[in-house]
């Protein structure tokens, strides 16, 4: 069964929200282990940067895979 465009959007938004949350929580838990002490605001900003990079990476890879599928039957 094919996924509707609306459900694709819902999945993408959920993925971004979960990824952002995981990044921020991971930073809060792991950074002190390495002696890095950041504020919540700094963690939220870094999480945003990681999220933007992740979205760009995912988009580029998806486009590359789509392009590679065009030559196949």
C-alpha atoms as a PDB file:
ATOM      1  CA  UNK A   1       0.000   0.000   0.000  1.00  0.00           C
ATOM      2  CA  UNK A   2       1.240   3.454  -0.909  1.00  0.00           C
ATOM      3  CA  UNK A   3       1.626   6.179   1.718  1.00  0.00           C
ATOM      4  CA  UNK A   4      -0.438   9.342   1.200  1.00  0.00           C
ATOM      5  CA  UNK A   5       1.317  12.703   0.916  1.00  0.00           C
ATOM      6  CA  UNK A   6      -0.265  13.824   4.178  1.00  0.00           C
ATOM      7  CA  UNK A   7       1.022  10.780   6.026  1.00  0.00           C
ATOM      8  CA  UNK A   8       4.455  11.273   4.473  1.00  0.00           C
ATOM      9  CA  UNK A   9       4.432  14.820   5.869  1.00  0.00           C
ATOM     10  CA  UNK A  10       3.267  13.594   9.286  1.00  0.00           C
ATOM     11  CA  UNK A  11       6.028  10.961   9.311  1.00  0.00           C
ATOM     12  CA  UNK A  12       8.680  13.507   8.316  1.00  0.00           C
ATOM     13  CA  UNK A  13       7.610  16.003  10.974  1.00  0.00           C
ATOM     14  CA  UNK A  14       7.500  13.287  13.645  1.00  0.00           C
ATOM     15  CA  UNK A  15      10.953  12.104  12.578  1.00  0.00           C
ATOM     16  CA  UNK A  16      12.398  15.617  12.893  1.00  0.00           C
ATOM     17  CA  UNK A  17      10.793  16.206  16.305  1.00  0.00           C
ATOM     18  CA  UNK A  18      11.997  12.879  17.677  1.00  0.00           C
ATOM     19  CA  UNK A  19      15.487  13.368  16.206  1.00  0.00           C
ATOM     20  CA  UNK A  20      15.786  16.850  17.696  1.00  0.00           C
ATOM     21  CA  UNK A  21      14.638  15.614  21.100  1.00  0.00           C
ATOM     22  CA  UNK A  22      17.050  12.677  21.050  1.00  0.00           C
ATOM     23  CA  UNK A  23      19.941  14.974  20.066  1.00  0.00           C
ATOM     24  CA  UNK A  24      19.259  17.433  22.888  1.00  0.00           C
ATOM     25  CA  UNK A  25      18.765  14.772  25.556  1.00  0.00           C
ATOM     26  CA  UNK A  26      21.894  12.928  24.385  1.00  0.00           C
ATOM     27  CA  UNK A  27      23.940  16.135  24.580  1.00  0.00           C
ATOM     28  CA  UNK A  28      22.662  16.888  28.092  1.00  0.00           C
ATOM     29  CA  UNK A  29      23.596  13.394  29.252  1.00  0.00           C
ATOM     30  CA  UNK A  30      26.861  12.839  27.376  1.00  0.00           C
ATOM     31  CA  UNK A  31      28.593  16.227  27.276  1.00  0.00           C
ATOM     32  CA  UNK A  32      29.362  16.288  31.030  1.00  0.00           C
ATOM     33  CA  UNK A  33      31.002  12.858  30.726  1.00  0.00           C
ATOM     34  CA  UNK A  34      33.560  14.527  28.441  1.00  0.00           C
ATOM     35  CA  UNK A  35      33.931  17.596  30.619  1.00  0.00           C
ATOM     36  CA  UNK A  36      31.752  19.791  28.413  1.00  0.00           C
ATOM     37  CA  UNK A  37      29.324  21.958  30.326  1.00  0.00           C
ATOM     38  CA  UNK A  38      26.678  23.766  28.326  1.00  0.00           C
ATOM     39  CA  UNK A  39      23.477  25.593  29.125  1.00  0.00           C
ATOM     40  CA  UNK A  40      20.069  24.346  28.064  1.00  0.00           C
ATOM     41  CA  UNK A  41      19.904  27.181  25.511  1.00  0.00           C
ATOM     42  CA  UNK A  42      23.235  26.075  24.002  1.00  0.00           C
ATOM     43  CA  UNK A  43      22.039  22.467  23.845  1.00  0.00           C
ATOM     44  CA  UNK A  44      18.829  23.542  22.123  1.00  0.00           C
ATOM     45  CA  UNK A  45      20.790  25.575  19.543  1.00  0.00           C
ATOM     46  CA  UNK A  46      23.255  22.747  18.882  1.00  0.00           C
ATOM     47  CA  UNK A  47      20.336  20.325  18.550  1.00  0.00           C
ATOM     48  CA  UNK A  48      18.806  22.651  15.959  1.00  0.00           C
ATOM     49  CA  UNK A  49      22.066  22.740  13.976  1.00  0.00           C
ATOM     50  CA  UNK A  50      22.347  18.934  14.071  1.00  0.00           C
ATOM     51  CA  UNK A  51      18.721  18.660  12.966  1.00  0.00           C
ATOM     52  CA  UNK A  52      19.218  20.949   9.966  1.00  0.00           C
ATOM     53  CA  UNK A  53      22.331  18.997   8.954  1.00  0.00           C
ATOM     54  CA  UNK A  54      20.423  15.724   9.325  1.00  0.00           C
ATOM     55  CA  UNK A  55      17.535  16.960   7.172  1.00  0.00           C
ATOM     56  CA  UNK A  56      19.951  18.124   4.467  1.00  0.00           C
ATOM     57  CA  UNK A  57      21.828  14.813   4.561  1.00  0.00           C
ATOM     58  CA  UNK A  58      18.616  12.824   4.334  1.00  0.00           C
ATOM     59  CA  UNK A  59      17.340  14.932   1.436  1.00  0.00           C
ATOM     60  CA  UNK A  60      20.562  14.618  -0.566  1.00  0.00           C
ATOM     61  CA  UNK A  61      20.713  10.862  -0.054  1.00  0.00           C
ATOM     62  CA  UNK A  62      17.051  10.449  -0.997  1.00  0.00           C
ATOM     63  CA  UNK A  63      17.581  12.440  -4.222  1.00  0.00           C
ATOM     64  CA  UNK A  64      20.710  10.394  -5.065  1.00  0.00           C
ATOM     65  CA  UNK A  65      18.815   7.134  -4.582  1.00  0.00           C
ATOM     66  CA  UNK A  66      15.898   8.420  -6.650  1.00  0.00           C
ATOM     67  CA  UNK A  67      18.288   9.396  -9.436  1.00  0.00           C
ATOM     68  CA  UNK A  68      19.951   5.989  -9.376  1.00  0.00           C
ATOM     69  CA  UNK A  69      16.558   4.239  -9.638  1.00  0.00           C
ATOM     70  CA  UNK A  70      15.619   6.068 -12.880  1.00  0.00           C
ATOM     71  CA  UNK A  71      17.926   3.925 -14.991  1.00  0.00           C
ATOM     72  CA  UNK A  72      16.441   0.701 -13.627  1.00  0.00           C
ATOM     73  CA  UNK A  73      13.377  -1.080 -15.040  1.00  0.00           C
END
